[in-house]
PDB file of N, CA and C in Angstrom:
ATOM      1  N   MET A   1     140.030  54.793  70.935  1.00  0.00           N
ATOM      2  CA  MET A   1     139.211  54.141  69.934  1.00  0.00           C
ATOM      3  C   MET A   1     139.715  54.467  68.522  1.00  0.00           C
ATOM      4  N   LYS A   2     140.125  55.719  68.316  1.00  0.00           N
ATOM      5  CA  LYS A   2     140.624  56.112  67.001  1.00  0.00           C
ATOM      6  C   LYS A   2     141.909  55.362  66.657  1.00  0.00           C
ATOM      7  N   LYS A   3     142.771  55.168  67.647  1.00  0.00           N
ATOM      8  CA  LYS A   3     144.029  54.467  67.400  1.00  0.00           C
ATOM      9  C   LYS A   3     143.778  53.009  67.019  1.00  0.00           C
ATOM     10  N   ILE A   4     142.821  52.393  67.667  1.00  0.00           N
ATOM     11  CA  ILE A   4     142.509  50.997  67.359  1.00  0.00           C
ATOM     12  C   ILE A   4     141.930  50.885  65.959  1.00  0.00           C
ATOM     13  N   LEU A   5     141.013  51.765  65.619  1.00  0.00           N
ATOM     14  CA  LEU A   5     140.408  51.744  64.285  1.00  0.00           C
ATOM     15  C   LEU A   5     141.458  52.008  63.215  1.00  0.00           C
ATOM     16  N   PHE A   6     142.328  52.953  63.458  1.00  0.00           N
ATOM     17  CA  PHE A   6     143.401  53.264  62.510  1.00  0.00           C
ATOM     18  C   PHE A   6     144.347  52.074  62.346  1.00  0.00           C
ATOM     19  N   SER A   7     144.668  51.394  63.448  1.00  0.00           N
ATOM     20  CA  SER A   7     145.534  50.219  63.383  1.00  0.00           C
ATOM     21  C   SER A   7     144.894  49.096  62.576  1.00  0.00           C
ATOM     22  N   ILE A   8     143.599  48.899  62.743  1.00  0.00           N
ATOM     23  CA  ILE A   8     142.892  47.851  61.997  1.00  0.00           C
ATOM     24  C   ILE A   8     142.876  48.182  60.507  1.00  0.00           C
ATOM     25  N   ILE A   9     142.651  49.435  60.178  1.00  0.00           N
ATOM     26  CA  ILE A   9     142.638  49.851  58.767  1.00  0.00           C
ATOM     27  C   ILE A   9     144.017  49.629  58.144  1.00  0.00           C
ATOM     28  N   LEU A  10     145.072  49.999  58.846  1.00  0.00           N
ATOM     29  CA  LEU A  10     146.424  49.790  58.331  1.00  0.00           C
ATOM     30  C   LEU A  10     146.743  48.304  58.179  1.00  0.00           C
ATOM     31  N   MET A  11     146.250  47.491  59.117  1.00  0.00           N
ATOM     32  CA  MET A  11     146.495  46.056  59.033  1.00  0.00           C
ATOM     33  C   MET A  11     145.844  45.475  57.779  1.00  0.00           C
ATOM     34  N   PHE A  12     144.591  45.880  57.488  1.00  0.00           N
ATOM     35  CA  PHE A  12     143.918  45.395  56.288  1.00  0.00           C
ATOM     36  C   PHE A  12     144.599  45.904  55.021  1.00  0.00           C
ATOM     37  N   ALA A  13     145.135  47.101  55.070  1.00  0.00           N
ATOM     38  CA  ALA A  13     145.827  47.649  53.907  1.00  0.00           C
ATOM     39  C   ALA A  13     147.084  46.846  53.601  1.00  0.00           C
ATOM     40  N   THR A  14     147.814  46.439  54.622  1.00  0.00           N
ATOM     41  CA  THR A  14     149.021  45.648  54.390  1.00  0.00           C
ATOM     42  C   THR A  14     148.678  44.251  53.910  1.00  0.00           C
ATOM     43  N   VAL A  15     147.592  43.677  54.385  1.00  0.00           N
ATOM     44  CA  VAL A  15     147.166  42.358  53.915  1.00  0.00           C
ATOM     45  C   VAL A  15     146.807  42.434  52.442  1.00  0.00           C
ATOM     46  N   GLN A  16     146.184  43.510  52.032  1.00  0.00           N
ATOM     47  CA  GLN A  16     145.799  43.660  50.637  1.00  0.00           C
ATOM     48  C   GLN A  16     147.033  43.810  49.744  1.00  0.00           C
ATOM     49  N   LEU A  17     148.097  44.387  50.248  1.00  0.00           N
ATOM     50  CA  LEU A  17     149.317  44.532  49.456  1.00  0.00           C
ATOM     51  C   LEU A  17     149.927  43.180  49.104  1.00  0.00           C
ATOM     52  N   PHE A  18     149.805  42.198  49.994  1.00  0.00           N
ATOM     53  CA  PHE A  18     150.333  40.866  49.717  1.00  0.00           C
ATOM     54  C   PHE A  18     149.518  40.145  48.655  1.00  0.00           C
ATOM     55  N   ALA A  19     148.270  40.551  48.454  1.00  0.00           N
ATOM     56  CA  ALA A  19     147.388  39.875  47.504  1.00  0.00           C
ATOM     57  C   ALA A  19     147.553  40.395  46.084  1.00  0.00           C
ATOM     58  N   GLN A  20     148.504  41.259  45.822  1.00  0.00           N
ATOM     59  CA  GLN A  20     148.635  41.861  44.510  1.00  0.00           C
ATOM     60  C   GLN A  20     149.611  41.133  43.593  1.00  0.00           C
ATOM     61  N   ASP A  21     150.012  39.936  43.921  1.00  0.00           N
ATOM     62  CA  ASP A  21     150.924  39.182  43.062  1.00  0.00           C
ATOM     63  C   ASP A  21     150.263  38.816  41.739  1.00  0.00           C
ATOM     64  N   ASN A  22     148.965  38.578  41.730  1.00  0.00           N
ATOM     65  CA  ASN A  22     148.257  38.187  40.505  1.00  0.00           C
ATOM     66  C   ASN A  22     148.026  39.365  39.575  1.00  0.00           C
ATOM     67  N   GLY A  23     148.215  40.583  40.034  1.00  0.00           N
ATOM     68  CA  GLY A  23     147.989  41.754  39.206  1.00  0.00           C
ATOM     69  C   GLY A  23     148.950  41.852  38.046  1.00  0.00           C
ATOM     70  N   VAL A  24     150.151  41.351  38.220  1.00  0.00           N
ATOM     71  CA  VAL A  24     151.141  41.401  37.144  1.00  0.00           C
ATOM     72  C   VAL A  24     150.714  40.488  35.997  1.00  0.00           C
ATOM     73  N   GLU A  25     150.210  39.321  36.337  1.00  0.00           N
ATOM     74  CA  GLU A  25     149.731  38.393  35.307  1.00  0.00           C
ATOM     75  C   GLU A  25     148.557  38.990  34.547  1.00  0.00           C
ATOM     76  N   MET A  26     147.674  39.652  35.274  1.00  0.00           N
ATOM     77  CA  MET A  26     146.515  40.258  34.629  1.00  0.00           C
ATOM     78  C   MET A  26     146.959  41.379  33.693  1.00  0.00           C
ATOM     79  N   ALA A  27     147.922  42.194  34.123  1.00  0.00           N
ATOM     80  CA  ALA A  27     148.413  43.279  33.278  1.00  0.00           C
ATOM     81  C   ALA A  27     149.102  42.733  32.037  1.00  0.00           C
ATOM     82  N   ASP A  28     149.852  41.654  32.200  1.00  0.00           N
ATOM     83  CA  ASP A  28     150.500  41.034  31.038  1.00  0.00           C
ATOM     84  C   ASP A  28     149.469  40.507  30.054  1.00  0.00           C
ATOM     85  N   LYS A  29     148.415  39.908  30.566  1.00  0.00           N
ATOM     86  CA  LYS A  29     147.341  39.384  29.703  1.00  0.00           C
ATOM     87  C   LYS A  29     146.653  40.524  28.954  1.00  0.00           C
ATOM     88  N   LEU A  30     146.340  41.612  29.669  1.00  0.00           N
ATOM     89  CA  LEU A  30     145.697  42.758  29.023  1.00  0.00           C
ATOM     90  C   LEU A  30     146.621  43.378  27.976  1.00  0.00           C
ATOM     91  N   ARG A  31     147.911  43.444  28.285  1.00  0.00           N
ATOM     92  CA  ARG A  31     148.867  44.027  27.353  1.00  0.00           C
ATOM     93  C   ARG A  31     149.000  43.156  26.105  1.00  0.00           C
ATOM     94  N   SER A  32     149.018  41.850  26.286  1.00  0.00           N
ATOM     95  CA  SER A  32     149.165  40.965  25.129  1.00  0.00           C
ATOM     96  C   SER A  32     147.920  40.978  24.246  1.00  0.00           C
ATOM     97  N   ASP A  33     146.755  41.180  24.850  1.00  0.00           N
ATOM     98  CA  ASP A  33     145.514  41.259  24.073  1.00  0.00           C
ATOM     99  C   ASP A  33     145.285  42.645  23.472  1.00  0.00           C
ATOM    100  N   GLY A  34     146.065  43.644  23.903  1.00  0.00           N
ATOM    101  CA  GLY A  34     145.890  45.000  23.410  1.00  0.00           C
ATOM    102  C   GLY A  34     144.799  45.756  24.152  1.00  0.00           C
ATOM    103  N   LYS A  35     144.262  45.168  25.210  1.00  0.00           N
ATOM    104  CA  LYS A  35     143.179  45.810  25.962  1.00  0.00           C
ATOM    105  C   LYS A  35     143.693  46.800  26.996  1.00  0.00           C
ATOM    106  N   ILE A  36     144.985  46.774  27.262  1.00  0.00           N
ATOM    107  CA  ILE A  36     145.541  47.694  28.245  1.00  0.00           C
ATOM    108  C   ILE A  36     145.359  49.136  27.790  1.00  0.00           C
ATOM    109  N   TYR A  37     145.355  49.351  26.479  1.00  0.00           N
ATOM    110  CA  TYR A  37     145.152  50.701  25.957  1.00  0.00           C
ATOM    111  C   TYR A  37     143.735  51.195  26.230  1.00  0.00           C
ATOM    112  N   VAL A  38     142.778  50.281  26.225  1.00  0.00           N
ATOM    113  CA  VAL A  38     141.397  50.651  26.557  1.00  0.00           C
ATOM    114  C   VAL A  38     141.313  51.063  28.017  1.00  0.00           C
ATOM    115  N   VAL A  39     141.972  50.320  28.876  1.00  0.00           N
ATOM    116  CA  VAL A  39     141.962  50.632  30.308  1.00  0.00           C
ATOM    117  C   VAL A  39     142.627  51.981  30.561  1.00  0.00           C
ATOM    118  N   VAL A  40     143.785  52.203  29.966  1.00  0.00           N
ATOM    119  CA  VAL A  40     144.497  53.464  30.154  1.00  0.00           C
ATOM    120  C   VAL A  40     143.679  54.624  29.599  1.00  0.00           C
ATOM    121  N   THR A  41     143.040  54.430  28.453  1.00  0.00           N
ATOM    122  CA  THR A  41     142.213  55.484  27.869  1.00  0.00           C
ATOM    123  C   THR A  41     141.046  55.839  28.784  1.00  0.00           C
ATOM    124  N   CYS A  42     140.401  54.823  29.349  1.00  0.00           N
ATOM    125  CA  CYS A  42     139.288  55.092  30.274  1.00  0.00           C
ATOM    126  C   CYS A  42     139.756  55.854  31.503  1.00  0.00           C
ATOM    127  N   ILE A  43     140.891  55.476  32.043  1.00  0.00           N
ATOM    128  CA  ILE A  43     141.420  56.175  33.220  1.00  0.00           C
ATOM    129  C   ILE A  43     141.746  57.619  32.885  1.00  0.00           C
ATOM    130  N   VAL A  44     142.358  57.855  31.732  1.00  0.00           N
ATOM    131  CA  VAL A  44     142.703  59.219  31.322  1.00  0.00           C
ATOM    132  C   VAL A  44     141.440  60.051  31.122  1.00  0.00           C
ATOM    133  N   ILE A  45     140.417  59.481  30.498  1.00  0.00           N
ATOM    134  CA  ILE A  45     139.158  60.208  30.281  1.00  0.00           C
ATOM    135  C   ILE A  45     138.523  60.586  31.614  1.00  0.00           C
ATOM    136  N   ILE A  46     138.523  59.662  32.557  1.00  0.00           N
ATOM    137  CA  ILE A  46     137.937  59.941  33.877  1.00  0.00           C
ATOM    138  C   ILE A  46     138.720  61.046  34.583  1.00  0.00           C
ATOM    139  N   LEU A  47     140.053  60.967  34.558  1.00  0.00           N
ATOM    140  CA  LEU A  47     140.860  61.988  35.223  1.00  0.00           C
ATOM    141  C   LEU A  47     140.706  63.363  34.573  1.00  0.00           C
ATOM    142  N   VAL A  48     140.643  63.405  33.249  1.00  0.00           N
ATOM    143  CA  VAL A  48     140.451  64.687  32.558  1.00  0.00           C
ATOM    144  C   VAL A  48     139.082  65.259  32.898  1.00  0.00           C
ATOM    145  N   GLY A  49     138.080  64.406  32.959  1.00  0.00           N
ATOM    146  CA  GLY A  49     136.745  64.869  33.343  1.00  0.00           C
ATOM    147  C   GLY A  49     136.716  65.435  34.746  1.00  0.00           C
ATOM    148  N   LEU A  50     137.373  64.753  35.673  1.00  0.00           N
ATOM    149  CA  LEU A  50     137.427  65.249  37.050  1.00  0.00           C
ATOM    150  C   LEU A  50     138.162  66.584  37.138  1.00  0.00           C
ATOM    151  N   LEU A  51     139.267  66.695  36.426  1.00  0.00           N
ATOM    152  CA  LEU A  51     140.014  67.958  36.444  1.00  0.00           C
ATOM    153  C   LEU A  51     139.199  69.094  35.836  1.00  0.00           C
ATOM    154  N   ALA A  52     138.511  68.818  34.735  1.00  0.00           N
ATOM    155  CA  ALA A  52     137.673  69.852  34.118  1.00  0.00           C
ATOM    156  C   ALA A  52     136.561  70.280  35.076  1.00  0.00           C
ATOM    157  N   TYR A  53     135.967  69.324  35.761  1.00  0.00           N
ATOM    158  CA  TYR A  53     134.908  69.633  36.731  1.00  0.00           C
ATOM    159  C   TYR A  53     135.458  70.485  37.876  1.00  0.00           C
ATOM    160  N   LEU A  54     136.636  70.129  38.388  1.00  0.00           N
ATOM    161  CA  LEU A  54     137.218  70.905  39.478  1.00  0.00           C
ATOM    162  C   LEU A  54     137.571  72.323  39.046  1.00  0.00           C
ATOM    163  N   PHE A  55     138.105  72.482  37.840  1.00  0.00           N
ATOM    164  CA  PHE A  55     138.425  73.822  37.360  1.00  0.00           C
ATOM    165  C   PHE A  55     137.157  74.649  37.140  1.00  0.00           C
ATOM    166  N   SER A  56     136.081  74.008  36.667  1.00  0.00           N
ATOM    167  CA  SER A  56     134.843  74.765  36.481  1.00  0.00           C
ATOM    168  C   SER A  56     134.257  75.202  37.822  1.00  0.00           C
ATOM    169  N   ILE A  57     134.351  74.350  38.833  1.00  0.00           N
ATOM    170  CA  ILE A  57     133.883  74.729  40.171  1.00  0.00           C
ATOM    171  C   ILE A  57     134.720  75.877  40.708  1.00  0.00           C
ATOM    172  N   ASP A  58     136.030  75.806  40.522  1.00  0.00           N
ATOM    173  CA  ASP A  58     136.918  76.871  40.984  1.00  0.00           C
ATOM    174  C   ASP A  58     136.597  78.187  40.293  1.00  0.00           C
ATOM    175  N   LYS A  59     136.330  78.129  39.000  1.00  0.00           N
ATOM    176  CA  LYS A  59     136.003  79.332  38.234  1.00  0.00           C
ATOM    177  C   LYS A  59     134.700  79.964  38.743  1.00  0.00           C
ATOM    178  N   ARG A  60     133.684  79.114  38.979  1.00  0.00           N
ATOM    179  CA  ARG A  60     132.412  79.640  39.493  1.00  0.00           C
ATOM    180  C   ARG A  60     132.577  80.210  40.892  1.00  0.00           C
ATOM    181  N   LEU A  61     133.380  79.560  41.718  1.00  0.00           N
ATOM    182  CA  LEU A  61     133.588  80.034  43.079  1.00  0.00           C
ATOM    183  C   LEU A  61     134.292  81.383  43.093  1.00  0.00           C
ATOM    184  N   LYS A  62     135.277  81.552  42.231  1.00  0.00           N
ATOM    185  CA  LYS A  62     135.958  82.852  42.141  1.00  0.00           C
ATOM    186  C   LYS A  62     134.995  83.932  41.681  1.00  0.00           C
ATOM    187  N   LYS A  63     134.098  83.592  40.755  1.00  0.00           N
ATOM    188  CA  LYS A  63     133.113  84.559  40.276  1.00  0.00           C
ATOM    189  C   LYS A  63     132.165  84.974  41.406  1.00  0.00           C
ATOM    190  N   ILE A  64     131.738  84.012  42.201  1.00  0.00           N
ATOM    191  CA  ILE A  64     130.846  84.309  43.325  1.00  0.00           C
ATOM    192  C   ILE A  64     131.565  85.146  44.366  1.00  0.00           C
ATOM    193  N   GLU A  65     132.843  84.848  44.631  1.00  0.00           N
ATOM    194  CA  GLU A  65     133.604  85.617  45.607  1.00  0.00           C
ATOM    195  C   GLU A  65     133.797  87.060  45.164  1.00  0.00           C
ATOM    196  N   LYS A  66     133.952  87.300  43.868  1.00  0.00           N
ATOM    197  CA  LYS A  66     134.095  88.672  43.376  1.00  0.00           C
ATOM    198  C   LYS A  66     132.797  89.446  43.495  1.00  0.00           C
ATOM    199  N   GLU A  67     131.671  88.787  43.271  1.00  0.00           N
ATOM    200  CA  GLU A  67     130.370  89.458  43.329  1.00  0.00           C
ATOM    201  C   GLU A  67     129.969  89.799  44.750  1.00  0.00           C
ATOM    202  N   LYS A  68     130.335  88.957  45.693  1.00  0.00           N
ATOM    203  CA  LYS A  68     129.957  89.178  47.084  1.00  0.00           C
ATOM    204  C   LYS A  68     130.879  90.216  47.716  1.00  0.00           C
ATOM    205  N   PRO A  69     130.310  91.326  48.226  1.00  0.00           N
ATOM    206  CA  PRO A  69     131.163  92.342  48.862  1.00  0.00           C
ATOM    207  C   PRO A  69     131.689  91.844  50.202  1.00  0.00           C
ATOM    208  N   THR A  70     132.920  92.162  50.479  1.00  0.00           N
ATOM    209  CA  THR A  70     133.510  91.758  51.758  1.00  0.00           C
ATOM    210  C   THR A  70     133.163  92.781  52.812  1.00  0.00           C
ATOM    211  N   LYS A  71     132.884  92.307  54.010  1.00  0.00           N
ATOM    212  CA  LYS A  71     132.531  93.188  55.111  1.00  0.00           C
ATOM    213  C   LYS A  71     133.742  93.314  56.041  1.00  0.00           C
ATOM    214  N   ASN A  72     134.202  94.517  56.249  1.00  0.00           N
ATOM    215  CA  ASN A  72     135.350  94.763  57.140  1.00  0.00           C
ATOM    216  C   ASN A  72     134.926  95.566  58.329  1.00  0.00           C
TER     217      ASN A  72
END
């Protein structure tokens, strides 16, 4: 069952790859309008936010691990 489900997912992924011909036109339109910089800025802000969140979680986890005594 897992192999069949995996095969179906891969099949849909390849079909979606063929549908990306219009993406170049859209990127050219955004670039010509100057809106591509807005898109790139939003993506960078989201990625920086995610990285900051992950580092803060890592920092808190290390703090909790230091406080908790290990049992040997």
